[in-house]
């Protein structure tokens, strides 16, 4: 199989999703309610949606579909 597990920010109320912000060329990490960059130490508050902080969840991406589905 050509699948990979990635993470995304997820609203537990409405199901909206958002990509994890990048810093120093890589995804920031979530620690409680703070996103931080492990390279430079920059910190930002976790995004909010529907009045509540978004949480991390795993998503499975089918690489075959992602690459060849666009041809």
PDB file of N, CA and C in Angstrom:
ATOM      1  N   UNK A   1       0.838  -1.185   0.000  1.00  0.00           N
ATOM      2  CA  UNK A   1       0.000   0.000   0.000  1.00  0.00           C
ATOM      3  C   UNK A   1       0.880   1.243   0.000  1.00  0.00           C
ATOM      4  N   UNK A   2       0.346   2.268  -0.550  1.00  0.00           N
ATOM      5  CA  UNK A   2       1.078   3.526  -0.647  1.00  0.00           C
ATOM      6  C   UNK A   2       0.387   4.591   0.194  1.00  0.00           C
ATOM      7  N   UNK A   3       0.252   4.293   1.466  1.00  0.00           N
ATOM      8  CA  UNK A   3      -0.428   5.230   2.357  1.00  0.00           C
ATOM      9  C   UNK A   3       0.526   5.698   3.439  1.00  0.00           C
ATOM     10  N   UNK A   4       0.318   6.931   3.888  1.00  0.00           N
ATOM     11  CA  UNK A   4       1.142   7.506   4.936  1.00  0.00           C
ATOM     12  C   UNK A   4       0.216   8.220   5.924  1.00  0.00           C
ATOM     13  N   UNK A   5       0.604   8.220   7.197  1.00  0.00           N
ATOM     14  CA  UNK A   5      -0.185   8.892   8.227  1.00  0.00           C
ATOM     15  C   UNK A   5       0.417  10.268   8.482  1.00  0.00           C
ATOM     16  N   UNK A   6      -0.414  11.294   8.363  1.00  0.00           N
ATOM     17  CA  UNK A   6      -0.013  12.665   8.663  1.00  0.00           C
ATOM     18  C   UNK A   6      -0.928  13.185   9.758  1.00  0.00           C
ATOM     19  N   UNK A   7      -0.609  14.353  10.291  1.00  0.00           N
ATOM     20  CA  UNK A   7      -1.472  14.956  11.300  1.00  0.00           C
ATOM     21  C   UNK A   7      -2.040  16.264  10.771  1.00  0.00           C
ATOM     22  N   UNK A   8      -3.199  16.632  11.311  1.00  0.00           N
ATOM     23  CA  UNK A   8      -3.841  17.888  10.962  1.00  0.00           C
ATOM     24  C   UNK A   8      -4.545  18.423  12.202  1.00  0.00           C
ATOM     25  N   UNK A   9      -4.857  19.713  12.190  1.00  0.00           N
ATOM     26  CA  UNK A   9      -5.641  20.305  13.261  1.00  0.00           C
ATOM     27  C   UNK A   9      -7.110  20.063  12.940  1.00  0.00           C
ATOM     28  N   UNK A  10      -7.902  19.737  13.965  1.00  0.00           N
ATOM     29  CA  UNK A  10      -9.278  19.294  13.780  1.00  0.00           C
ATOM     30  C   UNK A  10     -10.193  19.966  14.795  1.00  0.00           C
ATOM     31  N   UNK A  11     -11.342  20.453  14.324  1.00  0.00           N
ATOM     32  CA  UNK A  11     -12.354  21.031  15.212  1.00  0.00           C
ATOM     33  C   UNK A  11     -13.283  19.907  15.649  1.00  0.00           C
ATOM     34  N   UNK A  12     -13.362  19.668  16.952  1.00  0.00           N
ATOM     35  CA  UNK A  12     -14.186  18.570  17.469  1.00  0.00           C
ATOM     36  C   UNK A  12     -15.676  18.892  17.419  1.00  0.00           C
ATOM     37  N   UNK A  13     -16.027  20.143  17.133  1.00  0.00           N
ATOM     38  CA  UNK A  13     -17.439  20.518  17.084  1.00  0.00           C
ATOM     39  C   UNK A  13     -18.023  20.348  15.681  1.00  0.00           C
ATOM     40  N   UNK A  14     -17.373  20.951  14.677  1.00  0.00           N
ATOM     41  CA  UNK A  14     -17.938  20.915  13.321  1.00  0.00           C
ATOM     42  C   UNK A  14     -17.168  20.028  12.349  1.00  0.00           C
ATOM     43  N   UNK A  15     -15.975  19.569  12.737  1.00  0.00           N
ATOM     44  CA  UNK A  15     -15.198  18.694  11.863  1.00  0.00           C
ATOM     45  C   UNK A  15     -14.279  19.407  10.887  1.00  0.00           C
ATOM     46  N   UNK A  16     -14.185  20.736  10.990  1.00  0.00           N
ATOM     47  CA  UNK A  16     -13.287  21.485  10.100  1.00  0.00           C
ATOM     48  C   UNK A  16     -11.840  21.072  10.355  1.00  0.00           C
ATOM     49  N   UNK A  17     -11.029  21.109   9.312  1.00  0.00           N
ATOM     50  CA  UNK A  17      -9.619  20.751   9.444  1.00  0.00           C
ATOM     51  C   UNK A  17      -8.740  21.880   8.931  1.00  0.00           C
ATOM     52  N   UNK A  18      -7.497  21.876   9.388  1.00  0.00           N
ATOM     53  CA  UNK A  18      -6.532  22.905   9.006  1.00  0.00           C
ATOM     54  C   UNK A  18      -5.142  22.278   9.069  1.00  0.00           C
ATOM     55  N   UNK A  19      -4.275  22.667   8.143  1.00  0.00           N
ATOM     56  CA  UNK A  19      -2.898  22.176   8.181  1.00  0.00           C
ATOM     57  C   UNK A  19      -2.166  22.751   9.388  1.00  0.00           C
ATOM     58  N   UNK A  20      -1.218  22.006   9.907  1.00  0.00           N
ATOM     59  CA  UNK A  20      -0.392  22.474  11.017  1.00  0.00           C
ATOM     60  C   UNK A  20       0.546  23.555  10.483  1.00  0.00           C
ATOM     61  N   UNK A  21       0.660  24.692  11.172  1.00  0.00           N
ATOM     62  CA  UNK A  21       1.546  25.761  10.695  1.00  0.00           C
ATOM     63  C   UNK A  21       3.000  25.303  10.592  1.00  0.00           C
ATOM     64  N   UNK A  22       3.728  25.892   9.650  1.00  0.00           N
ATOM     65  CA  UNK A  22       5.146  25.593   9.456  1.00  0.00           C
ATOM     66  C   UNK A  22       6.004  26.698  10.056  1.00  0.00           C
ATOM     67  N   UNK A  23       7.175  26.321  10.541  1.00  0.00           N
ATOM     68  CA  UNK A  23       8.179  27.266  11.024  1.00  0.00           C
ATOM     69  C   UNK A  23       9.537  26.609  10.789  1.00  0.00           C
ATOM     70  N   UNK A  24      10.482  27.360  10.314  1.00  0.00           N
ATOM     71  CA  UNK A  24      11.826  26.835  10.023  1.00  0.00           C
ATOM     72  C   UNK A  24      11.768  25.633   9.075  1.00  0.00           C
ATOM     73  N   UNK A  25      10.773  25.623   8.177  1.00  0.00           N
ATOM     74  CA  UNK A  25      10.671  24.581   7.171  1.00  0.00           C
ATOM     75  C   UNK A  25      10.034  23.277   7.611  1.00  0.00           C
ATOM     76  N   UNK A  26       9.488  23.214   8.834  1.00  0.00           N
ATOM     77  CA  UNK A  26       8.826  21.978   9.277  1.00  0.00           C
ATOM     78  C   UNK A  26       7.609  22.311  10.129  1.00  0.00           C
ATOM     79  N   UNK A  27       6.751  21.304  10.333  1.00  0.00           N
ATOM     80  CA  UNK A  27       5.531  21.515  11.105  1.00  0.00           C
ATOM     81  C   UNK A  27       5.848  21.842  12.556  1.00  0.00           C
ATOM     82  N   UNK A  28       5.051  22.755  13.119  1.00  0.00           N
ATOM     83  CA  UNK A  28       5.191  23.074  14.535  1.00  0.00           C
ATOM     84  C   UNK A  28       4.601  21.919  15.346  1.00  0.00           C
ATOM     85  N   UNK A  29       4.974  21.834  16.614  1.00  0.00           N
ATOM     86  CA  UNK A  29       4.498  20.763  17.493  1.00  0.00           C
ATOM     87  C   UNK A  29       3.510  21.338  18.498  1.00  0.00           C
ATOM     88  N   UNK A  30       2.514  20.542  18.868  1.00  0.00           N
ATOM     89  CA  UNK A  30       1.495  20.976  19.813  1.00  0.00           C
ATOM     90  C   UNK A  30       1.837  20.481  21.207  1.00  0.00           C
ATOM     91  N   UNK A  31       1.865  21.414  22.155  1.00  0.00           N
ATOM     92  CA  UNK A  31       2.107  21.087  23.561  1.00  0.00           C
ATOM     93  C   UNK A  31       0.987  21.727  24.364  1.00  0.00           C
ATOM     94  N   UNK A  32      -0.037  20.959  24.677  1.00  0.00           N
ATOM     95  CA  UNK A  32      -1.194  21.516  25.373  1.00  0.00           C
ATOM     96  C   UNK A  32      -1.957  22.443  24.448  1.00  0.00           C
ATOM     97  N   UNK A  33      -1.948  23.739  24.748  1.00  0.00           N
ATOM     98  CA  UNK A  33      -2.652  24.710  23.911  1.00  0.00           C
ATOM     99  C   UNK A  33      -1.681  25.610  23.150  1.00  0.00           C
ATOM    100  N   UNK A  34      -0.407  25.227  23.095  1.00  0.00           N
ATOM    101  CA  UNK A  34       0.626  26.030  22.439  1.00  0.00           C
ATOM    102  C   UNK A  34       1.275  25.234  21.311  1.00  0.00           C
ATOM    103  N   UNK A  35       1.389  25.862  20.145  1.00  0.00           N
ATOM    104  CA  UNK A  35       2.181  25.298  19.052  1.00  0.00           C
ATOM    105  C   UNK A  35       3.567  25.900  19.164  1.00  0.00           C
ATOM    106  N   UNK A  36       4.603  25.072  19.054  1.00  0.00           N
ATOM    107  CA  UNK A  36       5.959  25.596  19.159  1.00  0.00           C
ATOM    108  C   UNK A  36       6.857  24.986  18.098  1.00  0.00           C
ATOM    109  N   UNK A  37       7.918  25.745  17.776  1.00  0.00           N
ATOM    110  CA  UNK A  37       8.915  25.289  16.809  1.00  0.00           C
ATOM    111  C   UNK A  37      10.086  24.720  17.592  1.00  0.00           C
ATOM    112  N   UNK A  38      10.419  23.473  17.316  1.00  0.00           N
ATOM    113  CA  UNK A  38      11.519  22.838  18.044  1.00  0.00           C
ATOM    114  C   UNK A  38      12.881  23.362  17.595  1.00  0.00           C
ATOM    115  N   UNK A  39      12.935  24.074  16.465  1.00  0.00           N
ATOM    116  CA  UNK A  39      14.214  24.620  15.989  1.00  0.00           C
ATOM    117  C   UNK A  39      14.532  25.981  16.594  1.00  0.00           C
ATOM    118  N   UNK A  40      13.567  26.915  16.516  1.00  0.00           N
ATOM    119  CA  UNK A  40      13.852  28.285  16.962  1.00  0.00           C
ATOM    120  C   UNK A  40      13.169  28.661  18.271  1.00  0.00           C
ATOM    121  N   UNK A  41      12.227  27.833  18.750  1.00  0.00           N
ATOM    122  CA  UNK A  41      11.560  28.103  20.014  1.00  0.00           C
ATOM    123  C   UNK A  41      10.341  29.006  19.914  1.00  0.00           C
ATOM    124  N   UNK A  42       9.962  29.424  18.709  1.00  0.00           N
ATOM    125  CA  UNK A  42       8.791  30.291  18.531  1.00  0.00           C
ATOM    126  C   UNK A  42       7.547  29.577  19.042  1.00  0.00           C
ATOM    127  N   UNK A  43       6.676  30.322  19.718  1.00  0.00           N
ATOM    128  CA  UNK A  43       5.439  29.755  20.252  1.00  0.00           C
ATOM    129  C   UNK A  43       4.248  30.580  19.798  1.00  0.00           C
ATOM    130  N   UNK A  44       3.152  29.900  19.466  1.00  0.00           N
ATOM    131  CA  UNK A  44       1.888  30.564  19.153  1.00  0.00           C
ATOM    132  C   UNK A  44       0.756  29.760  19.790  1.00  0.00           C
ATOM    133  N   UNK A  45      -0.364  30.427  20.033  1.00  0.00           N
ATOM    134  CA  UNK A  45      -1.523  29.726  20.584  1.00  0.00           C
ATOM    135  C   UNK A  45      -2.111  28.805  19.524  1.00  0.00           C
ATOM    136  N   UNK A  46      -2.645  27.698  19.966  1.00  0.00           N
ATOM    137  CA  UNK A  46      -3.306  26.768  19.047  1.00  0.00           C
ATOM    138  C   UNK A  46      -4.509  27.474  18.429  1.00  0.00           C
ATOM    139  N   UNK A  47      -4.768  27.255  17.144  1.00  0.00           N
ATOM    140  CA  UNK A  47      -5.917  27.886  16.491  1.00  0.00           C
ATOM    141  C   UNK A  47      -7.227  27.475  17.156  1.00  0.00           C
ATOM    142  N   UNK A  48      -8.199  28.378  17.091  1.00  0.00           N
ATOM    143  CA  UNK A  48      -9.523  28.109  17.642  1.00  0.00           C
ATOM    144  C   UNK A  48     -10.528  28.039  16.499  1.00  0.00           C
ATOM    145  N   UNK A  49     -11.543  27.219  16.686  1.00  0.00           N
ATOM    146  CA  UNK A  49     -12.625  27.100  15.706  1.00  0.00           C
ATOM    147  C   UNK A  49     -13.886  26.776  16.476  1.00  0.00           C
ATOM    148  N   UNK A  50     -14.985  27.407  16.147  1.00  0.00           N
ATOM    149  CA  UNK A  50     -16.263  27.220  16.860  1.00  0.00           C
ATOM    150  C   UNK A  50     -16.102  27.538  18.347  1.00  0.00           C
ATOM    151  N   UNK A  51     -15.189  28.470  18.685  1.00  0.00           N
ATOM    152  CA  UNK A  51     -14.989  28.889  20.070  1.00  0.00           C
ATOM    153  C   UNK A  51     -14.168  27.934  20.917  1.00  0.00           C
ATOM    154  N   UNK A  52     -13.567  26.928  20.302  1.00  0.00           N
ATOM    155  CA  UNK A  52     -12.802  25.927  21.047  1.00  0.00           C
ATOM    156  C   UNK A  52     -11.474  25.675  20.339  1.00  0.00           C
ATOM    157  N   UNK A  53     -10.431  25.335  21.108  1.00  0.00           N
ATOM    158  CA  UNK A  53      -9.129  25.044  20.501  1.00  0.00           C
ATOM    159  C   UNK A  53      -9.211  23.805  19.626  1.00  0.00           C
ATOM    160  N   UNK A  54      -8.528  23.875  18.496  1.00  0.00           N
ATOM    161  CA  UNK A  54      -8.459  22.718  17.606  1.00  0.00           C
ATOM    162  C   UNK A  54      -7.480  21.706  18.198  1.00  0.00           C
ATOM    163  N   UNK A  55      -7.683  20.434  17.883  1.00  0.00           N
ATOM    164  CA  UNK A  55      -6.835  19.359  18.396  1.00  0.00           C
ATOM    165  C   UNK A  55      -6.147  18.660  17.223  1.00  0.00           C
ATOM    166  N   UNK A  56      -5.091  17.912  17.527  1.00  0.00           N
ATOM    167  CA  UNK A  56      -4.410  17.139  16.491  1.00  0.00           C
ATOM    168  C   UNK A  56      -5.137  15.820  16.270  1.00  0.00           C
ATOM    169  N   UNK A  57      -5.187  15.404  15.014  1.00  0.00           N
ATOM    170  CA  UNK A  57      -5.693  14.063  14.711  1.00  0.00           C
ATOM    171  C   UNK A  57      -4.895  13.522  13.533  1.00  0.00           C
ATOM    172  N   UNK A  58      -4.821  12.203  13.469  1.00  0.00           N
ATOM    173  CA  UNK A  58      -4.121  11.550  12.367  1.00  0.00           C
ATOM    174  C   UNK A  58      -5.032  11.490  11.149  1.00  0.00           C
ATOM    175  N   UNK A  59      -4.443  11.654   9.986  1.00  0.00           N
ATOM    176  CA  UNK A  59      -5.179  11.434   8.741  1.00  0.00           C
ATOM    177  C   UNK A  59      -4.322  10.541   7.857  1.00  0.00           C
ATOM    178  N   UNK A  60      -4.965   9.647   7.147  1.00  0.00           N
ATOM    179  CA  UNK A  60      -4.263   8.729   6.252  1.00  0.00           C
ATOM    180  C   UNK A  60      -4.351   9.297   4.837  1.00  0.00           C
ATOM    181  N   UNK A  61      -3.192   9.444   4.209  1.00  0.00           N
ATOM    182  CA  UNK A  61      -3.122   9.976   2.852  1.00  0.00           C
ATOM    183  C   UNK A  61      -2.696   8.856   1.913  1.00  0.00           C
ATOM    184  N   UNK A  62      -3.475   8.638   0.868  1.00  0.00           N
ATOM    185  CA  UNK A  62      -3.142   7.643  -0.151  1.00  0.00           C
ATOM    186  C   UNK A  62      -2.251   8.327  -1.184  1.00  0.00           C
ATOM    187  N   UNK A  63      -0.955   8.050  -1.128  1.00  0.00           N
ATOM    188  CA  UNK A  63       0.006   8.713  -2.010  1.00  0.00           C
ATOM    189  C   UNK A  63      -0.267   8.407  -3.480  1.00  0.00           C
ATOM    190  N   UNK A  64      -0.673   7.190  -3.762  1.00  0.00           N
ATOM    191  CA  UNK A  64      -0.966   6.811  -5.145  1.00  0.00           C
ATOM    192  C   UNK A  64      -2.081   7.695  -5.700  1.00  0.00           C
ATOM    193  N   UNK A  65      -3.143   7.859  -4.939  1.00  0.00           N
ATOM    194  CA  UNK A  65      -4.264   8.706  -5.356  1.00  0.00           C
ATOM    195  C   UNK A  65      -3.836  10.173  -5.426  1.00  0.00           C
ATOM    196  N   UNK A  66      -3.044  10.595  -4.466  1.00  0.00           N
ATOM    197  CA  UNK A  66      -2.576  11.986  -4.404  1.00  0.00           C
ATOM    198  C   UNK A  66      -1.746  12.345  -5.639  1.00  0.00           C
ATOM    199  N   UNK A  67      -0.900  11.434  -6.066  1.00  0.00           N
ATOM    200  CA  UNK A  67      -0.012  11.704  -7.205  1.00  0.00           C
ATOM    201  C   UNK A  67      -0.712  11.443  -8.540  1.00  0.00           C
ATOM    202  N   UNK A  68      -1.268  10.244  -8.699  1.00  0.00           N
ATOM    203  CA  UNK A  68      -1.825   9.854  -9.995  1.00  0.00           C
ATOM    204  C   UNK A  68      -3.259  10.330 -10.204  1.00  0.00           C
ATOM    205  N   UNK A  69      -3.947  10.684  -9.137  1.00  0.00           N
ATOM    206  CA  UNK A  69      -5.313  11.176  -9.267  1.00  0.00           C
ATOM    207  C   UNK A  69      -5.380  12.547  -9.917  1.00  0.00           C
ATOM    208  N   UNK A  70      -4.264  13.256  -9.946  1.00  0.00           N
ATOM    209  CA  UNK A  70      -4.226  14.599 -10.524  1.00  0.00           C
ATOM    210  C   UNK A  70      -3.837  14.595 -11.996  1.00  0.00           C
ATOM    211  N   UNK A  71      -3.482  13.433 -12.526  1.00  0.00           N
ATOM    212  CA  UNK A  71      -3.069  13.354 -13.936  1.00  0.00           C
ATOM    213  C   UNK A  71      -4.255  13.296 -14.866  1.00  0.00           C
TER     214      UNK A  71
END
